[in-house]
PDB file of all heavy atoms in Angstrom:
ATOM      1  N   ARG A   1      36.633-289.451  15.594  1.00  0.00           N
ATOM      2  CA  ARG A   1      37.368-289.769  16.780  1.00  0.00           C
ATOM      3  C   ARG A   1      38.830-289.493  16.656  1.00  0.00           C
ATOM      4  O   ARG A   1      39.532-289.088  17.503  1.00  0.00           O
ATOM      5  CB  ARG A   1      37.023-291.205  17.267  1.00  0.00           C
ATOM      6  CG  ARG A   1      35.628-291.394  17.807  1.00  0.00           C
ATOM      7  CD  ARG A   1      35.514-292.631  18.481  1.00  0.00           C
ATOM      8  NE  ARG A   1      35.792-293.779  17.566  1.00  0.00           N
ATOM      9  CZ  ARG A   1      34.807-294.457  16.938  1.00  0.00           C
ATOM     10  NH1 ARG A   1      33.633-294.030  17.001  1.00  0.00           N
ATOM     11  NH2 ARG A   1      35.139-295.487  16.192  1.00  0.00           N
ATOM     12  N   ILE A   2      39.422-290.002  15.500  1.00  0.00           N
ATOM     13  CA  ILE A   2      40.847-289.851  15.305  1.00  0.00           C
ATOM     14  C   ILE A   2      41.215-288.322  15.155  1.00  0.00           C
ATOM     15  O   ILE A   2      42.179-287.917  15.663  1.00  0.00           O
ATOM     16  CB  ILE A   2      41.227-290.591  13.907  1.00  0.00           C
ATOM     17  CG1 ILE A   2      41.049-292.006  14.078  1.00  0.00           C
ATOM     18  CG2 ILE A   2      42.708-290.323  13.589  1.00  0.00           C
ATOM     19  CD1 ILE A   2      41.331-292.786  12.923  1.00  0.00           C
ATOM     20  N   GLU A   3      40.228-287.517  14.508  1.00  0.00           N
ATOM     21  CA  GLU A   3      40.626-286.085  14.348  1.00  0.00           C
ATOM     22  C   GLU A   3      40.582-285.402  15.725  1.00  0.00           C
ATOM     23  O   GLU A   3      41.330-284.467  15.956  1.00  0.00           O
ATOM     24  CB  GLU A   3      39.616-285.473  13.437  1.00  0.00           C
ATOM     25  CG  GLU A   3      39.826-285.825  11.962  1.00  0.00           C
ATOM     26  CD  GLU A   3      38.828-284.984  11.013  1.00  0.00           C
ATOM     27  OE1 GLU A   3      37.724-285.501  10.912  1.00  0.00           O
ATOM     28  OE2 GLU A   3      39.295-284.023  10.538  1.00  0.00           O
ATOM     29  N   MET A   4      39.664-285.848  16.640  1.00  0.00           N
ATOM     30  CA  MET A   4      39.639-285.318  17.935  1.00  0.00           C
ATOM     31  C   MET A   4      40.926-285.574  18.775  1.00  0.00           C
ATOM     32  O   MET A   4      41.490-284.725  19.450  1.00  0.00           O
ATOM     33  CB  MET A   4      38.491-285.827  18.697  1.00  0.00           C
ATOM     34  CG  MET A   4      37.113-285.373  18.164  1.00  0.00           C
ATOM     35  SD  MET A   4      35.736-286.007  19.129  1.00  0.00           S
ATOM     36  CE  MET A   4      36.106-285.267  20.780  1.00  0.00           C
ATOM     37  N   GLU A   5      41.509-286.801  18.537  1.00  0.00           N
ATOM     38  CA  GLU A   5      42.743-287.145  19.283  1.00  0.00           C
ATOM     39  C   GLU A   5      43.909-286.511  18.627  1.00  0.00           C
ATOM     40  O   GLU A   5      44.949-286.119  19.271  1.00  0.00           O
ATOM     41  CB  GLU A   5      42.895-288.691  19.227  1.00  0.00           C
ATOM     42  CG  GLU A   5      41.778-289.354  20.046  1.00  0.00           C
ATOM     43  CD  GLU A   5      41.923-290.881  19.928  1.00  0.00           C
ATOM     44  OE1 GLU A   5      42.844-291.371  19.296  1.00  0.00           O
ATOM     45  OE2 GLU A   5      41.008-291.595  20.448  1.00  0.00           O
ATOM     46  N   ASP A   6      43.915-286.378  17.275  1.00  0.00           N
ATOM     47  CA  ASP A   6      45.035-285.751  16.530  1.00  0.00           C
ATOM     48  C   ASP A   6      44.421-284.888  15.539  1.00  0.00           C
ATOM     49  O   ASP A   6      44.156-285.282  14.369  1.00  0.00           O
ATOM     50  CB  ASP A   6      45.819-286.920  15.863  1.00  0.00           C
ATOM     51  CG  ASP A   6      47.093-286.306  15.218  1.00  0.00           C
ATOM     52  OD1 ASP A   6      47.309-285.074  15.269  1.00  0.00           O
ATOM     53  OD2 ASP A   6      47.794-287.202  14.470  1.00  0.00           O
ATOM     54  N   PRO A   7      44.359-283.538  15.768  1.00  0.00           N
ATOM     55  CA  PRO A   7      43.814-282.595  14.897  1.00  0.00           C
ATOM     56  C   PRO A   7      44.536-282.444  13.540  1.00  0.00           C
ATOM     57  O   PRO A   7      43.957-282.040  12.587  1.00  0.00           O
ATOM     58  CB  PRO A   7      43.859-281.234  15.724  1.00  0.00           C
ATOM     59  CG  PRO A   7      44.012-281.635  17.140  1.00  0.00           C
ATOM     60  CD  PRO A   7      44.755-282.905  17.106  1.00  0.00           C
ATOM     61  N   SER A   8      45.808-282.877  13.560  1.00  0.00           N
ATOM     62  CA  SER A   8      46.557-282.836  12.300  1.00  0.00           C
ATOM     63  C   SER A   8      46.136-283.851  11.225  1.00  0.00           C
ATOM     64  O   SER A   8      46.513-283.832  10.089  1.00  0.00           O
ATOM     65  CB  SER A   8      48.048-282.907  12.534  1.00  0.00           C
ATOM     66  OG  SER A   8      48.351-284.176  13.149  1.00  0.00           O
ATOM     67  N   PHE A   9      45.352-284.868  11.816  1.00  0.00           N
ATOM     68  CA  PHE A   9      44.977-285.943  10.896  1.00  0.00           C
ATOM     69  C   PHE A   9      43.859-285.529  10.096  1.00  0.00           C
ATOM     70  O   PHE A   9      42.896-284.909  10.480  1.00  0.00           O
ATOM     71  CB  PHE A   9      44.551-287.206  11.745  1.00  0.00           C
ATOM     72  CG  PHE A   9      44.071-288.297  10.906  1.00  0.00           C
ATOM     73  CD1 PHE A   9      44.851-289.194  10.277  1.00  0.00           C
ATOM     74  CD2 PHE A   9      42.648-288.504  10.716  1.00  0.00           C
ATOM     75  CE1 PHE A   9      44.357-290.266   9.567  1.00  0.00           C
ATOM     76  CE2 PHE A   9      42.206-289.529   9.990  1.00  0.00           C
ATOM     77  CZ  PHE A   9      43.093-290.411   9.372  1.00  0.00           C
ATOM     78  N   GLY A  10      43.774-285.909   8.794  1.00  0.00           N
ATOM     79  CA  GLY A  10      42.639-285.610   7.925  1.00  0.00           C
ATOM     80  C   GLY A  10      42.575-286.621   6.861  1.00  0.00           C
ATOM     81  O   GLY A  10      43.527-287.187   6.473  1.00  0.00           O
ATOM     82  N   LEU A  11      41.371-286.846   6.478  1.00  0.00           N
ATOM     83  CA  LEU A  11      41.104-287.763   5.455  1.00  0.00           C
ATOM     84  C   LEU A  11      41.637-287.402   4.059  1.00  0.00           C
ATOM     85  O   LEU A  11      41.626-288.127   3.093  1.00  0.00           O
ATOM     86  CB  LEU A  11      39.668-288.198   5.400  1.00  0.00           C
ATOM     87  CG  LEU A  11      39.024-289.022   6.462  1.00  0.00           C
ATOM     88  CD1 LEU A  11      37.571-289.210   6.152  1.00  0.00           C
ATOM     89  CD2 LEU A  11      39.760-290.333   6.556  1.00  0.00           C
ATOM     90  N   GLY A  12      42.056-286.221   3.997  1.00  0.00           N
ATOM     91  CA  GLY A  12      42.632-285.648   2.721  1.00  0.00           C
ATOM     92  C   GLY A  12      43.876-286.383   2.325  1.00  0.00           C
ATOM     93  O   GLY A  12      44.267-286.382   1.170  1.00  0.00           O
ATOM     94  N   ILE A  13      44.541-287.140   3.174  1.00  0.00           N
ATOM     95  CA  ILE A  13      45.698-287.839   2.768  1.00  0.00           C
ATOM     96  C   ILE A  13      45.373-288.940   1.882  1.00  0.00           C
ATOM     97  O   ILE A  13      46.195-289.538   1.137  1.00  0.00           O
ATOM     98  CB  ILE A  13      46.407-288.419   4.038  1.00  0.00           C
ATOM     99  CG1 ILE A  13      45.434-289.393   4.783  1.00  0.00           C
ATOM    100  CG2 ILE A  13      46.883-287.403   4.952  1.00  0.00           C
ATOM    101  CD1 ILE A  13      46.049-290.107   6.000  1.00  0.00           C
ATOM    102  N   ASP A  14      44.073-289.330   1.833  1.00  0.00           N
ATOM    103  CA  ASP A  14      43.716-290.419   0.926  1.00  0.00           C
ATOM    104  C   ASP A  14      43.088-289.983  -0.397  1.00  0.00           C
ATOM    105  O   ASP A  14      42.453-290.602  -1.135  1.00  0.00           O
ATOM    106  CB  ASP A  14      42.594-291.338   1.665  1.00  0.00           C
ATOM    107  CG  ASP A  14      43.142-292.118   2.765  1.00  0.00           C
ATOM    108  OD1 ASP A  14      44.355-292.474   2.742  1.00  0.00           O
ATOM    109  OD2 ASP A  14      42.412-292.251   3.754  1.00  0.00           O
ATOM    110  N   LEU A  15      43.318-288.717  -0.766  1.00  0.00           N
ATOM    111  CA  LEU A  15      42.769-288.118  -1.934  1.00  0.00           C
ATOM    112  C   LEU A  15      43.272-288.773  -3.209  1.00  0.00           C
ATOM    113  O   LEU A  15      42.664-288.794  -4.236  1.00  0.00           O
ATOM    114  CB  LEU A  15      42.899-286.637  -2.036  1.00  0.00           C
ATOM    115  CG  LEU A  15      42.025-285.748  -1.081  1.00  0.00           C
ATOM    116  CD1 LEU A  15      42.365-284.397  -1.199  1.00  0.00           C
ATOM    117  CD2 LEU A  15      40.572-286.002  -1.573  1.00  0.00           C
ATOM    118  N   ASP A  16      44.520-289.387  -3.087  1.00  0.00           N
ATOM    119  CA  ASP A  16      45.060-289.903  -4.361  1.00  0.00           C
ATOM    120  C   ASP A  16      44.629-291.327  -4.587  1.00  0.00           C
ATOM    121  O   ASP A  16      45.170-292.036  -5.535  1.00  0.00           O
ATOM    122  CB  ASP A  16      46.609-289.878  -4.259  1.00  0.00           C
ATOM    123  CG  ASP A  16      47.084-288.449  -4.294  1.00  0.00           C
ATOM    124  OD1 ASP A  16      46.343-287.631  -4.897  1.00  0.00           O
ATOM    125  OD2 ASP A  16      48.168-288.202  -3.707  1.00  0.00           O
ATOM    126  N   LEU A  17      43.755-291.819  -3.697  1.00  0.00           N
ATOM    127  CA  LEU A  17      43.245-293.174  -3.945  1.00  0.00           C
ATOM    128  C   LEU A  17      42.598-293.323  -5.375  1.00  0.00           C
ATOM    129  O   LEU A  17      41.896-292.453  -5.812  1.00  0.00           O
ATOM    130  CB  LEU A  17      42.223-293.577  -2.926  1.00  0.00           C
ATOM    131  CG  LEU A  17      42.766-293.948  -1.572  1.00  0.00           C
ATOM    132  CD1 LEU A  17      41.576-294.168  -0.551  1.00  0.00           C
ATOM    133  CD2 LEU A  17      43.603-295.212  -1.602  1.00  0.00           C
ATOM    134  N   ASP A  18      42.935-294.373  -6.101  1.00  0.00           N
ATOM    135  CA  ASP A  18      42.321-294.647  -7.412  1.00  0.00           C
ATOM    136  C   ASP A  18      40.799-294.669  -7.234  1.00  0.00           C
ATOM    137  O   ASP A  18      40.260-295.228  -6.353  1.00  0.00           O
ATOM    138  CB  ASP A  18      42.877-295.826  -7.995  1.00  0.00           C
ATOM    139  CG  ASP A  18      42.554-295.983  -9.465  1.00  0.00           C
ATOM    140  OD1 ASP A  18      41.396-296.366  -9.817  1.00  0.00           O
ATOM    141  OD2 ASP A  18      43.414-295.688 -10.223  1.00  0.00           O
ATOM    142  N   SER A  19      40.107-294.032  -8.265  1.00  0.00           N
ATOM    143  CA  SER A  19      38.714-294.027  -8.300  1.00  0.00           C
ATOM    144  C   SER A  19      38.159-295.435  -8.324  1.00  0.00           C
ATOM    145  O   SER A  19      36.932-295.646  -7.843  1.00  0.00           O
ATOM    146  CB  SER A  19      38.143-293.201  -9.434  1.00  0.00           C
ATOM    147  OG  SER A  19      38.512-293.771 -10.587  1.00  0.00           O
ATOM    148  N   VAL A  20      38.836-296.383  -8.849  1.00  0.00           N
ATOM    149  CA  VAL A  20      38.395-297.819  -8.848  1.00  0.00           C
ATOM    150  C   VAL A  20      38.125-298.228  -7.529  1.00  0.00           C
ATOM    151  O   VAL A  20      37.193-299.039  -7.232  1.00  0.00           O
ATOM    152  CB  VAL A  20      39.332-298.658  -9.549  1.00  0.00           C
ATOM    153  CG1 VAL A  20      38.937-300.161  -9.610  1.00  0.00           C
ATOM    154  CG2 VAL A  20      39.567-298.183 -11.014  1.00  0.00           C
ATOM    155  N   VAL A  21      38.860-297.872  -6.557  1.00  0.00           N
ATOM    156  CA  VAL A  21      38.724-298.238  -5.079  1.00  0.00           C
ATOM    157  C   VAL A  21      37.310-297.859  -4.673  1.00  0.00           C
ATOM    158  O   VAL A  21      36.639-298.615  -4.014  1.00  0.00           O
ATOM    159  CB  VAL A  21      39.857-297.637  -4.221  1.00  0.00           C
ATOM    160  CG1 VAL A  21      39.586-298.055  -2.789  1.00  0.00           C
ATOM    161  CG2 VAL A  21      41.231-298.212  -4.692  1.00  0.00           C
ATOM    162  N   TRP A  22      36.976-296.603  -4.907  1.00  0.00           N
ATOM    163  CA  TRP A  22      35.723-296.083  -4.479  1.00  0.00           C
ATOM    164  C   TRP A  22      34.556-296.670  -5.213  1.00  0.00           C
ATOM    165  O   TRP A  22      33.500-296.952  -4.700  1.00  0.00           O
ATOM    166  CB  TRP A  22      35.698-294.585  -4.505  1.00  0.00           C
ATOM    167  CG  TRP A  22      36.762-294.037  -3.740  1.00  0.00           C
ATOM    168  CD1 TRP A  22      37.949-293.397  -4.072  1.00  0.00           C
ATOM    169  CD2 TRP A  22      36.723-293.925  -2.308  1.00  0.00           C
ATOM    170  NE1 TRP A  22      38.652-292.992  -2.979  1.00  0.00           N
ATOM    171  CE2 TRP A  22      37.927-293.317  -1.807  1.00  0.00           C
ATOM    172  CE3 TRP A  22      35.847-294.400  -1.314  1.00  0.00           C
ATOM    173  CZ2 TRP A  22      38.322-293.142  -0.543  1.00  0.00           C
ATOM    174  CZ3 TRP A  22      36.167-294.208   0.055  1.00  0.00           C
ATOM    175  CH2 TRP A  22      37.358-293.535   0.404  1.00  0.00           C
ATOM    176  N   ASP A  23      34.821-296.853  -6.544  1.00  0.00           N
ATOM    177  CA  ASP A  23      33.748-297.587  -7.333  1.00  0.00           C
ATOM    178  C   ASP A  23      33.470-298.991  -6.694  1.00  0.00           C
ATOM    179  O   ASP A  23      32.378-299.410  -6.748  1.00  0.00           O
ATOM    180  CB  ASP A  23      34.176-297.688  -8.833  1.00  0.00           C
ATOM    181  CG  ASP A  23      34.158-296.339  -9.474  1.00  0.00           C
ATOM    182  OD1 ASP A  23      33.551-295.451  -8.921  1.00  0.00           O
ATOM    183  OD2 ASP A  23      34.807-296.201 -10.498  1.00  0.00           O
ATOM    184  N   ASP A  24      34.516-299.657  -6.360  1.00  0.00           N
ATOM    185  CA  ASP A  24      34.404-300.976  -5.781  1.00  0.00           C
ATOM    186  C   ASP A  24      33.685-300.974  -4.454  1.00  0.00           C
ATOM    187  O   ASP A  24      32.846-301.813  -4.216  1.00  0.00           O
ATOM    188  CB  ASP A  24      35.786-301.682  -5.610  1.00  0.00           C
ATOM    189  CG  ASP A  24      35.708-303.070  -5.053  1.00  0.00           C
ATOM    190  OD1 ASP A  24      35.204-303.995  -5.818  1.00  0.00           O
ATOM    191  OD2 ASP A  24      36.065-303.304  -3.954  1.00  0.00           O
TER     192      ASP A  24
END
């Protein structure tokens, strides 16, 4: 829904999240 409202938005901005966050 966010991408439809703002095509410039992408989840790629969160690529630098530490892997521990995703493991958790």
